[in-house]
């Protein structure tokens, strides 16, 4: 918890992306989302859904400042993987 928000990090070591690819995860991209090229199969939308959930928390949570981002993860020393992190408002129990 920091400045009224809590940060959650999720690390995926199954695959690697460049920072440019990670920056694009949260934006619609027909090429990435319909890899078959026929426009019939929609994949790769999970990060768009995550972004919308964070936006909704930001708008309706009563406190602006929620964020979501992705970055390279180098924690295992092998340089493989990436981290998706987000922040949400933190409320202490009364």
PDB file of N, CA and C in Angstrom:
ATOM      1  N   UNK A   1       0.849  -1.188   0.000  1.00  0.00           N
ATOM      2  CA  UNK A   1       0.000   0.000   0.000  1.00  0.00           C
ATOM      3  C   UNK A   1       0.892   1.248   0.000  1.00  0.00           C
ATOM      4  N   UNK A   2       0.502   2.219  -0.816  1.00  0.00           N
ATOM      5  CA  UNK A   2       1.255   3.468  -0.879  1.00  0.00           C
ATOM      6  C   UNK A   2       0.331   4.582  -1.369  1.00  0.00           C
ATOM      7  N   UNK A   3       0.319   5.685  -0.664  1.00  0.00           N
ATOM      8  CA  UNK A   3      -0.477   6.860  -1.036  1.00  0.00           C
ATOM      9  C   UNK A   3      -1.949   6.546  -1.286  1.00  0.00           C
ATOM     10  N   UNK A   4      -2.508   5.650  -0.475  1.00  0.00           N
ATOM     11  CA  UNK A   4      -3.922   5.334  -0.592  1.00  0.00           C
ATOM     12  C   UNK A   4      -4.265   4.317  -1.656  1.00  0.00           C
ATOM     13  N   UNK A   5      -3.265   3.712  -2.267  1.00  0.00           N
ATOM     14  CA  UNK A   5      -3.486   2.690  -3.293  1.00  0.00           C
ATOM     15  C   UNK A   5      -2.692   1.443  -2.942  1.00  0.00           C
ATOM     16  N   UNK A   6      -3.171   0.312  -3.418  1.00  0.00           N
ATOM     17  CA  UNK A   6      -2.439  -0.934  -3.273  1.00  0.00           C
ATOM     18  C   UNK A   6      -2.041  -1.388  -4.674  1.00  0.00           C
ATOM     19  N   UNK A   7      -0.815  -1.881  -4.801  1.00  0.00           N
ATOM     20  CA  UNK A   7      -0.306  -2.324  -6.105  1.00  0.00           C
ATOM     21  C   UNK A   7      -0.212  -3.843  -6.123  1.00  0.00           C
ATOM     22  N   UNK A   8      -0.706  -4.417  -7.212  1.00  0.00           N
ATOM     23  CA  UNK A   8      -0.647  -5.862  -7.416  1.00  0.00           C
ATOM     24  C   UNK A   8       0.205  -6.111  -8.655  1.00  0.00           C
ATOM     25  N   UNK A   9       1.127  -7.067  -8.554  1.00  0.00           N
ATOM     26  CA  UNK A   9       1.981  -7.441  -9.681  1.00  0.00           C
ATOM     27  C   UNK A   9       1.728  -8.901 -10.034  1.00  0.00           C
ATOM     28  N   UNK A  10       1.545  -9.171 -11.309  1.00  0.00           N
ATOM     29  CA  UNK A  10       1.414 -10.536 -11.802  1.00  0.00           C
ATOM     30  C   UNK A  10       2.542 -10.778 -12.795  1.00  0.00           C
ATOM     31  N   UNK A  11       3.280 -11.859 -12.587  1.00  0.00           N
ATOM     32  CA  UNK A  11       4.449 -12.143 -13.399  1.00  0.00           C
ATOM     33  C   UNK A  11       4.190 -13.379 -14.249  1.00  0.00           C
ATOM     34  N   UNK A  12       4.456 -13.254 -15.529  1.00  0.00           N
ATOM     35  CA  UNK A  12       4.292 -14.351 -16.478  1.00  0.00           C
ATOM     36  C   UNK A  12       5.665 -14.683 -17.040  1.00  0.00           C
ATOM     37  N   UNK A  13       6.191 -15.856 -16.704  1.00  0.00           N
ATOM     38  CA  UNK A  13       7.511 -16.263 -17.170  1.00  0.00           C
ATOM     39  C   UNK A  13       7.420 -17.235 -18.351  1.00  0.00           C
ATOM     40  N   UNK A  14       6.204 -17.444 -18.875  1.00  0.00           N
ATOM     41  CA  UNK A  14       6.030 -18.388 -19.979  1.00  0.00           C
ATOM     42  C   UNK A  14       6.487 -17.822 -21.319  1.00  0.00           C
ATOM     43  N   UNK A  15       6.475 -16.518 -21.447  1.00  0.00           N
ATOM     44  CA  UNK A  15       6.828 -15.889 -22.726  1.00  0.00           C
ATOM     45  C   UNK A  15       7.456 -14.532 -22.470  1.00  0.00           C
ATOM     46  N   UNK A  16       8.083 -14.010 -23.506  1.00  0.00           N
ATOM     47  CA  UNK A  16       8.723 -12.696 -23.397  1.00  0.00           C
ATOM     48  C   UNK A  16       8.223 -11.800 -24.510  1.00  0.00           C
ATOM     49  N   UNK A  17       8.130 -10.533 -24.189  1.00  0.00           N
ATOM     50  CA  UNK A  17       7.743  -9.511 -25.154  1.00  0.00           C
ATOM     51  C   UNK A  17       8.742  -8.376 -25.049  1.00  0.00           C
ATOM     52  N   UNK A  18       8.844  -7.601 -26.107  1.00  0.00           N
ATOM     53  CA  UNK A  18       9.638  -6.377 -26.037  1.00  0.00           C
ATOM     54  C   UNK A  18       8.822  -5.340 -25.266  1.00  0.00           C
ATOM     55  N   UNK A  19       9.472  -4.286 -24.799  1.00  0.00           N
ATOM     56  CA  UNK A  19       8.729  -3.243 -24.084  1.00  0.00           C
ATOM     57  C   UNK A  19       7.707  -2.597 -25.011  1.00  0.00           C
ATOM     58  N   UNK A  20       8.029  -2.479 -26.280  1.00  0.00           N
ATOM     59  CA  UNK A  20       7.082  -1.914 -27.256  1.00  0.00           C
ATOM     60  C   UNK A  20       5.819  -2.785 -27.360  1.00  0.00           C
ATOM     61  N   UNK A  21       5.997  -4.099 -27.384  1.00  0.00           N
ATOM     62  CA  UNK A  21       4.840  -5.015 -27.426  1.00  0.00           C
ATOM     63  C   UNK A  21       4.033  -4.921 -26.136  1.00  0.00           C
ATOM     64  N   UNK A  22       4.714  -4.806 -25.002  1.00  0.00           N
ATOM     65  CA  UNK A  22       4.012  -4.688 -23.725  1.00  0.00           C
ATOM     66  C   UNK A  22       3.210  -3.400 -23.664  1.00  0.00           C
ATOM     67  N   UNK A  23       3.755  -2.312 -24.198  1.00  0.00           N
ATOM     68  CA  UNK A  23       3.045  -1.036 -24.210  1.00  0.00           C
ATOM     69  C   UNK A  23       1.757  -1.132 -25.023  1.00  0.00           C
ATOM     70  N   UNK A  24       1.730  -2.004 -26.026  1.00  0.00           N
ATOM     71  CA  UNK A  24       0.569  -2.138 -26.903  1.00  0.00           C
ATOM     72  C   UNK A  24      -0.497  -3.101 -26.365  1.00  0.00           C
ATOM     73  N   UNK A  25      -0.210  -3.839 -25.310  1.00  0.00           N
ATOM     74  CA  UNK A  25      -1.155  -4.837 -24.792  1.00  0.00           C
ATOM     75  C   UNK A  25      -2.518  -4.263 -24.422  1.00  0.00           C
ATOM     76  N   UNK A  26      -2.552  -3.027 -23.991  1.00  0.00           N
ATOM     77  CA  UNK A  26      -3.785  -2.441 -23.463  1.00  0.00           C
ATOM     78  C   UNK A  26      -4.552  -1.622 -24.503  1.00  0.00           C
ATOM     79  N   UNK A  27      -4.175  -1.780 -25.771  1.00  0.00           N
ATOM     80  CA  UNK A  27      -4.835  -1.051 -26.855  1.00  0.00           C
ATOM     81  C   UNK A  27      -5.318  -2.040 -27.906  1.00  0.00           C
ATOM     82  N   UNK A  28      -6.486  -1.785 -28.498  1.00  0.00           N
ATOM     83  CA  UNK A  28      -7.007  -2.705 -29.516  1.00  0.00           C
ATOM     84  C   UNK A  28      -6.064  -2.808 -30.711  1.00  0.00           C
ATOM     85  N   UNK A  29      -5.898  -4.020 -31.206  1.00  0.00           N
ATOM     86  CA  UNK A  29      -5.066  -4.273 -32.377  1.00  0.00           C
ATOM     87  C   UNK A  29      -5.660  -5.461 -33.110  1.00  0.00           C
ATOM     88  N   UNK A  30      -6.289  -5.199 -34.213  1.00  0.00           N
ATOM     89  CA  UNK A  30      -6.981  -6.254 -34.963  1.00  0.00           C
ATOM     90  C   UNK A  30      -6.039  -7.386 -35.362  1.00  0.00           C
ATOM     91  N   UNK A  31      -4.813  -7.047 -35.724  1.00  0.00           N
ATOM     92  CA  UNK A  31      -3.849  -8.075 -36.120  1.00  0.00           C
ATOM     93  C   UNK A  31      -3.541  -9.029 -34.974  1.00  0.00           C
ATOM     94  N   UNK A  32      -3.361  -8.487 -33.781  1.00  0.00           N
ATOM     95  CA  UNK A  32      -3.047  -9.306 -32.614  1.00  0.00           C
ATOM     96  C   UNK A  32      -4.270 -10.057 -32.112  1.00  0.00           C
ATOM     97  N   UNK A  33      -5.439  -9.445 -32.250  1.00  0.00           N
ATOM     98  CA  UNK A  33      -6.650 -10.027 -31.683  1.00  0.00           C
ATOM     99  C   UNK A  33      -7.313 -11.048 -32.607  1.00  0.00           C
ATOM    100  N   UNK A  34      -7.011 -11.045 -33.875  1.00  0.00           N
ATOM    101  CA  UNK A  34      -7.553 -12.012 -34.837  1.00  0.00           C
ATOM    102  C   UNK A  34      -6.396 -12.659 -35.587  1.00  0.00           C
ATOM    103  N   UNK A  35      -5.608 -13.500 -34.905  1.00  0.00           N
ATOM    104  CA  UNK A  35      -4.403 -14.041 -35.530  1.00  0.00           C
ATOM    105  C   UNK A  35      -4.680 -14.942 -36.732  1.00  0.00           C
ATOM    106  N   UNK A  36      -5.881 -15.494 -36.833  1.00  0.00           N
ATOM    107  CA  UNK A  36      -6.177 -16.367 -37.966  1.00  0.00           C
ATOM    108  C   UNK A  36      -6.353 -15.567 -39.250  1.00  0.00           C
ATOM    109  N   UNK A  37      -6.558 -14.246 -39.118  1.00  0.00           N
ATOM    110  CA  UNK A  37      -6.718 -13.397 -40.282  1.00  0.00           C
ATOM    111  C   UNK A  37      -8.118 -13.392 -40.861  1.00  0.00           C
ATOM    112  N   UNK A  38      -8.966 -14.303 -40.391  1.00  0.00           N
ATOM    113  CA  UNK A  38     -10.316 -14.363 -40.942  1.00  0.00           C
ATOM    114  C   UNK A  38     -11.311 -13.495 -40.177  1.00  0.00           C
ATOM    115  N   UNK A  39     -10.868 -12.899 -39.063  1.00  0.00           N
ATOM    116  CA  UNK A  39     -11.741 -12.041 -38.275  1.00  0.00           C
ATOM    117  C   UNK A  39     -12.784 -12.789 -37.474  1.00  0.00           C
ATOM    118  N   UNK A  40     -12.731 -14.116 -37.498  1.00  0.00           N
ATOM    119  CA  UNK A  40     -13.730 -14.930 -36.815  1.00  0.00           C
ATOM    120  C   UNK A  40     -13.329 -15.297 -35.391  1.00  0.00           C
ATOM    121  N   UNK A  41     -12.046 -15.369 -35.143  1.00  0.00           N
ATOM    122  CA  UNK A  41     -11.560 -15.825 -33.840  1.00  0.00           C
ATOM    123  C   UNK A  41     -10.919 -14.649 -33.114  1.00  0.00           C
ATOM    124  N   UNK A  42     -11.477 -14.277 -31.980  1.00  0.00           N
ATOM    125  CA  UNK A  42     -10.985 -13.136 -31.214  1.00  0.00           C
ATOM    126  C   UNK A  42     -10.152 -13.648 -30.040  1.00  0.00           C
ATOM    127  N   UNK A  43      -8.887 -13.267 -30.014  1.00  0.00           N
ATOM    128  CA  UNK A  43      -7.992 -13.643 -28.921  1.00  0.00           C
ATOM    129  C   UNK A  43      -7.224 -12.414 -28.484  1.00  0.00           C
ATOM    130  N   UNK A  44      -6.533 -12.518 -27.358  1.00  0.00           N
ATOM    131  CA  UNK A  44      -5.685 -11.420 -26.916  1.00  0.00           C
ATOM    132  C   UNK A  44      -6.429 -10.218 -26.363  1.00  0.00           C
ATOM    133  N   UNK A  45      -7.665 -10.425 -25.939  1.00  0.00           N
ATOM    134  CA  UNK A  45      -8.455  -9.306 -25.421  1.00  0.00           C
ATOM    135  C   UNK A  45      -8.409  -9.203 -23.899  1.00  0.00           C
ATOM    136  N   UNK A  46      -7.751 -10.147 -23.244  1.00  0.00           N
ATOM    137  CA  UNK A  46      -7.766 -10.158 -21.781  1.00  0.00           C
ATOM    138  C   UNK A  46      -7.183  -8.885 -21.175  1.00  0.00           C
ATOM    139  N   UNK A  47      -6.186  -8.301 -21.824  1.00  0.00           N
ATOM    140  CA  UNK A  47      -5.585  -7.087 -21.283  1.00  0.00           C
ATOM    141  C   UNK A  47      -6.477  -5.871 -21.480  1.00  0.00           C
ATOM    142  N   UNK A  48      -7.277  -5.884 -22.535  1.00  0.00           N
ATOM    143  CA  UNK A  48      -8.259  -4.811 -22.735  1.00  0.00           C
ATOM    144  C   UNK A  48      -9.324  -4.865 -21.648  1.00  0.00           C
ATOM    145  N   UNK A  49      -9.744  -6.073 -21.286  1.00  0.00           N
ATOM    146  CA  UNK A  49     -10.736  -6.242 -20.215  1.00  0.00           C
ATOM    147  C   UNK A  49     -10.139  -5.761 -18.889  1.00  0.00           C
ATOM    148  N   UNK A  50      -8.899  -6.125 -18.617  1.00  0.00           N
ATOM    149  CA  UNK A  50      -8.234  -5.674 -17.388  1.00  0.00           C
ATOM    150  C   UNK A  50      -8.173  -4.148 -17.330  1.00  0.00           C
ATOM    151  N   UNK A  51      -7.821  -3.531 -18.445  1.00  0.00           N
ATOM    152  CA  UNK A  51      -7.738  -2.073 -18.495  1.00  0.00           C
ATOM    153  C   UNK A  51      -9.089  -1.443 -18.172  1.00  0.00           C
ATOM    154  N   UNK A  52     -10.164  -2.024 -18.699  1.00  0.00           N
ATOM    155  CA  UNK A  52     -11.492  -1.474 -18.443  1.00  0.00           C
ATOM    156  C   UNK A  52     -11.892  -1.636 -16.979  1.00  0.00           C
ATOM    157  N   UNK A  53     -11.546  -2.756 -16.372  1.00  0.00           N
ATOM    158  CA  UNK A  53     -11.840  -2.962 -14.944  1.00  0.00           C
ATOM    159  C   UNK A  53     -11.132  -1.894 -14.111  1.00  0.00           C
ATOM    160  N   UNK A  54      -9.869  -1.626 -14.425  1.00  0.00           N
ATOM    161  CA  UNK A  54      -9.109  -0.609 -13.693  1.00  0.00           C
ATOM    162  C   UNK A  54      -9.728   0.768 -13.924  1.00  0.00           C
ATOM    163  N   UNK A  55     -10.117   1.063 -15.154  1.00  0.00           N
ATOM    164  CA  UNK A  55     -10.781   2.349 -15.438  1.00  0.00           C
ATOM    165  C   UNK A  55     -12.061   2.505 -14.631  1.00  0.00           C
ATOM    166  N   UNK A  56     -12.846   1.435 -14.554  1.00  0.00           N
ATOM    167  CA  UNK A  56     -14.093   1.496 -13.793  1.00  0.00           C
ATOM    168  C   UNK A  56     -13.820   1.743 -12.316  1.00  0.00           C
ATOM    169  N   UNK A  57     -12.803   1.088 -11.759  1.00  0.00           N
ATOM    170  CA  UNK A  57     -12.442   1.352 -10.367  1.00  0.00           C
ATOM    171  C   UNK A  57     -12.023   2.807 -10.185  1.00  0.00           C
ATOM    172  N   UNK A  58     -11.317   3.324 -11.148  1.00  0.00           N
ATOM    173  CA  UNK A  58     -10.853   4.710 -11.075  1.00  0.00           C
ATOM    174  C   UNK A  58     -12.035   5.676 -11.113  1.00  0.00           C
ATOM    175  N   UNK A  59     -12.981   5.395 -11.977  1.00  0.00           N
ATOM    176  CA  UNK A  59     -14.117   6.297 -12.148  1.00  0.00           C
ATOM    177  C   UNK A  59     -15.133   6.193 -11.015  1.00  0.00           C
ATOM    178  N   UNK A  60     -15.418   4.988 -10.560  1.00  0.00           N
ATOM    179  CA  UNK A  60     -16.485   4.787  -9.582  1.00  0.00           C
ATOM    180  C   UNK A  60     -15.998   4.528  -8.161  1.00  0.00           C
ATOM    181  N   UNK A  61     -14.690   4.406  -7.993  1.00  0.00           N
ATOM    182  CA  UNK A  61     -14.153   4.087  -6.679  1.00  0.00           C
ATOM    183  C   UNK A  61     -14.053   5.260  -5.727  1.00  0.00           C
ATOM    184  N   UNK A  62     -14.306   6.449  -6.225  1.00  0.00           N
ATOM    185  CA  UNK A  62     -14.259   7.609  -5.354  1.00  0.00           C
ATOM    186  C   UNK A  62     -12.874   8.192  -5.154  1.00  0.00           C
ATOM    187  N   UNK A  63     -11.890   7.605  -5.813  1.00  0.00           N
ATOM    188  CA  UNK A  63     -10.523   8.122  -5.686  1.00  0.00           C
ATOM    189  C   UNK A  63      -9.788   7.907  -6.995  1.00  0.00           C
ATOM    190  N   UNK A  64      -9.412   8.979  -7.660  1.00  0.00           N
ATOM    191  CA  UNK A  64      -8.698   8.888  -8.936  1.00  0.00           C
ATOM    192  C   UNK A  64      -7.246   8.497  -8.716  1.00  0.00           C
ATOM    193  N   UNK A  65      -6.704   7.734  -9.674  1.00  0.00           N
ATOM    194  CA  UNK A  65      -5.292   7.381  -9.608  1.00  0.00           C
ATOM    195  C   UNK A  65      -4.998   5.924  -9.886  1.00  0.00           C
ATOM    196  N   UNK A  66      -6.019   5.114 -10.201  1.00  0.00           N
ATOM    197  CA  UNK A  66      -5.783   3.710 -10.528  1.00  0.00           C
ATOM    198  C   UNK A  66      -4.984   3.622 -11.820  1.00  0.00           C
ATOM    199  N   UNK A  67      -4.066   2.699 -11.878  1.00  0.00           N
ATOM    200  CA  UNK A  67      -3.207   2.544 -13.052  1.00  0.00           C
ATOM    201  C   UNK A  67      -3.052   1.066 -13.398  1.00  0.00           C
ATOM    202  N   UNK A  68      -2.709   0.802 -14.680  1.00  0.00           N
ATOM    203  CA  UNK A  68      -2.322  -0.536 -15.120  1.00  0.00           C
ATOM    204  C   UNK A  68      -1.193  -0.365 -16.124  1.00  0.00           C
ATOM    205  N   UNK A  69      -0.221  -1.257 -16.062  1.00  0.00           N
ATOM    206  CA  UNK A  69       0.931  -1.162 -16.947  1.00  0.00           C
ATOM    207  C   UNK A  69       1.600  -2.526 -17.040  1.00  0.00           C
ATOM    208  N   UNK A  70       2.493  -2.672 -17.991  1.00  0.00           N
ATOM    209  CA  UNK A  70       3.267  -3.901 -18.153  1.00  0.00           C
ATOM    210  C   UNK A  70       4.726  -3.530 -18.371  1.00  0.00           C
ATOM    211  N   UNK A  71       5.606  -4.361 -17.849  1.00  0.00           N
ATOM    212  CA  UNK A  71       7.037  -4.095 -18.012  1.00  0.00           C
ATOM    213  C   UNK A  71       7.800  -5.415 -18.074  1.00  0.00           C
ATOM    214  N   UNK A  72       9.002  -5.350 -18.609  1.00  0.00           N
ATOM    215  CA  UNK A  72       9.868  -6.519 -18.643  1.00  0.00           C
ATOM    216  C   UNK A  72      10.148  -6.970 -17.224  1.00  0.00           C
ATOM    217  N   UNK A  73      10.279  -8.259 -17.035  1.00  0.00           N
ATOM    218  CA  UNK A  73      10.593  -8.776 -15.713  1.00  0.00           C
ATOM    219  C   UNK A  73      11.924  -9.497 -15.780  1.00  0.00           C
ATOM    220  N   UNK A  74      12.837  -9.058 -14.971  1.00  0.00           N
ATOM    221  CA  UNK A  74      14.184  -9.623 -14.968  1.00  0.00           C
ATOM    222  C   UNK A  74      14.521 -10.271 -13.634  1.00  0.00           C
ATOM    223  N   UNK A  75      13.522 -10.540 -12.831  1.00  0.00           N
ATOM    224  CA  UNK A  75      13.734 -11.016 -11.471  1.00  0.00           C
ATOM    225  C   UNK A  75      14.368 -12.377 -11.340  1.00  0.00           C
ATOM    226  N   UNK A  76      14.257 -13.228 -12.364  1.00  0.00           N
ATOM    227  CA  UNK A  76      14.827 -14.565 -12.237  1.00  0.00           C
ATOM    228  C   UNK A  76      16.270 -14.651 -12.727  1.00  0.00           C
ATOM    229  N   UNK A  77      16.797 -13.544 -13.224  1.00  0.00           N
ATOM    230  CA  UNK A  77      18.170 -13.517 -13.708  1.00  0.00           C
ATOM    231  C   UNK A  77      18.318 -14.015 -15.136  1.00  0.00           C
ATOM    232  N   UNK A  78      17.272 -14.646 -15.675  1.00  0.00           N
ATOM    233  CA  UNK A  78      17.333 -15.161 -17.037  1.00  0.00           C
ATOM    234  C   UNK A  78      16.764 -14.166 -18.045  1.00  0.00           C
ATOM    235  N   UNK A  79      16.095 -13.127 -17.573  1.00  0.00           N
ATOM    236  CA  UNK A  79      15.556 -12.117 -18.469  1.00  0.00           C
ATOM    237  C   UNK A  79      14.343 -12.560 -19.243  1.00  0.00           C
ATOM    238  N   UNK A  80      13.650 -13.590 -18.771  1.00  0.00           N
ATOM    239  CA  UNK A  80      12.475 -14.075 -19.472  1.00  0.00           C
ATOM    240  C   UNK A  80      11.234 -13.740 -18.664  1.00  0.00           C
ATOM    241  N   UNK A  81      10.267 -13.148 -19.326  1.00  0.00           N
ATOM    242  CA  UNK A  81       9.000 -12.884 -18.679  1.00  0.00           C
ATOM    243  C   UNK A  81       8.656 -11.403 -18.643  1.00  0.00           C
ATOM    244  N   UNK A  82       7.450 -11.162 -18.147  1.00  0.00           N
ATOM    245  CA  UNK A  82       6.985  -9.787 -18.025  1.00  0.00           C
ATOM    246  C   UNK A  82       6.053  -9.692 -16.828  1.00  0.00           C
ATOM    247  N   UNK A  83       5.868  -8.476 -16.381  1.00  0.00           N
ATOM    248  CA  UNK A  83       5.012  -8.195 -15.236  1.00  0.00           C
ATOM    249  C   UNK A  83       3.890  -7.268 -15.672  1.00  0.00           C
ATOM    250  N   UNK A  84       2.675  -7.613 -15.289  1.00  0.00           N
ATOM    251  CA  UNK A  84       1.534  -6.719 -15.445  1.00  0.00           C
ATOM    252  C   UNK A  84       1.172  -6.275 -14.043  1.00  0.00           C
ATOM    253  N   UNK A  85       1.144  -4.976 -13.827  1.00  0.00           N
ATOM    254  CA  UNK A  85       0.820  -4.472 -12.493  1.00  0.00           C
ATOM    255  C   UNK A  85      -0.310  -3.462 -12.593  1.00  0.00           C
ATOM    256  N   UNK A  86      -1.051  -3.366 -11.495  1.00  0.00           N
ATOM    257  CA  UNK A  86      -2.128  -2.382 -11.435  1.00  0.00           C
ATOM    258  C   UNK A  86      -2.276  -1.878 -10.019  1.00  0.00           C
ATOM    259  N   UNK A  87      -2.882  -0.709  -9.892  1.00  0.00           N
ATOM    260  CA  UNK A  87      -3.154  -0.145  -8.576  1.00  0.00           C
ATOM    261  C   UNK A  87      -4.654   0.072  -8.433  1.00  0.00           C
ATOM    262  N   UNK A  88      -5.133  -0.099  -7.218  1.00  0.00           N
ATOM    263  CA  UNK A  88      -6.528   0.116  -6.854  1.00  0.00           C
ATOM    264  C   UNK A  88      -6.571   0.886  -5.534  1.00  0.00           C
ATOM    265  N   UNK A  89      -7.664   1.579  -5.270  1.00  0.00           N
ATOM    266  CA  UNK A  89      -7.764   2.300  -3.994  1.00  0.00           C
ATOM    267  C   UNK A  89      -7.662   1.328  -2.824  1.00  0.00           C
ATOM    268  N   UNK A  90      -6.964   1.754  -1.799  1.00  0.00           N
ATOM    269  CA  UNK A  90      -6.780   0.954  -0.591  1.00  0.00           C
ATOM    270  C   UNK A  90      -7.661   1.503   0.516  1.00  0.00           C
ATOM    271  N   UNK A  91      -8.451   0.635   1.096  1.00  0.00           N
ATOM    272  CA  UNK A  91      -9.298   1.035   2.214  1.00  0.00           C
ATOM    273  C   UNK A  91      -8.961   0.178   3.426  1.00  0.00           C
ATOM    274  N   UNK A  92      -8.658   0.824   4.512  1.00  0.00           N
ATOM    275  CA  UNK A  92      -8.396   0.080   5.735  1.00  0.00           C
ATOM    276  C   UNK A  92      -9.723  -0.225   6.413  1.00  0.00           C
ATOM    277  N   UNK A  93      -9.794  -1.394   7.031  1.00  0.00           N
ATOM    278  CA  UNK A  93     -10.998  -1.758   7.766  1.00  0.00           C
ATOM    279  C   UNK A  93     -11.115  -0.871   8.988  1.00  0.00           C
ATOM    280  N   UNK A  94     -12.338  -0.472   9.260  1.00  0.00           N
ATOM    281  CA  UNK A  94     -12.574   0.401  10.419  1.00  0.00           C
ATOM    282  C   UNK A  94     -12.824  -0.386  11.654  1.00  0.00           C
TER     283      UNK A  94
END
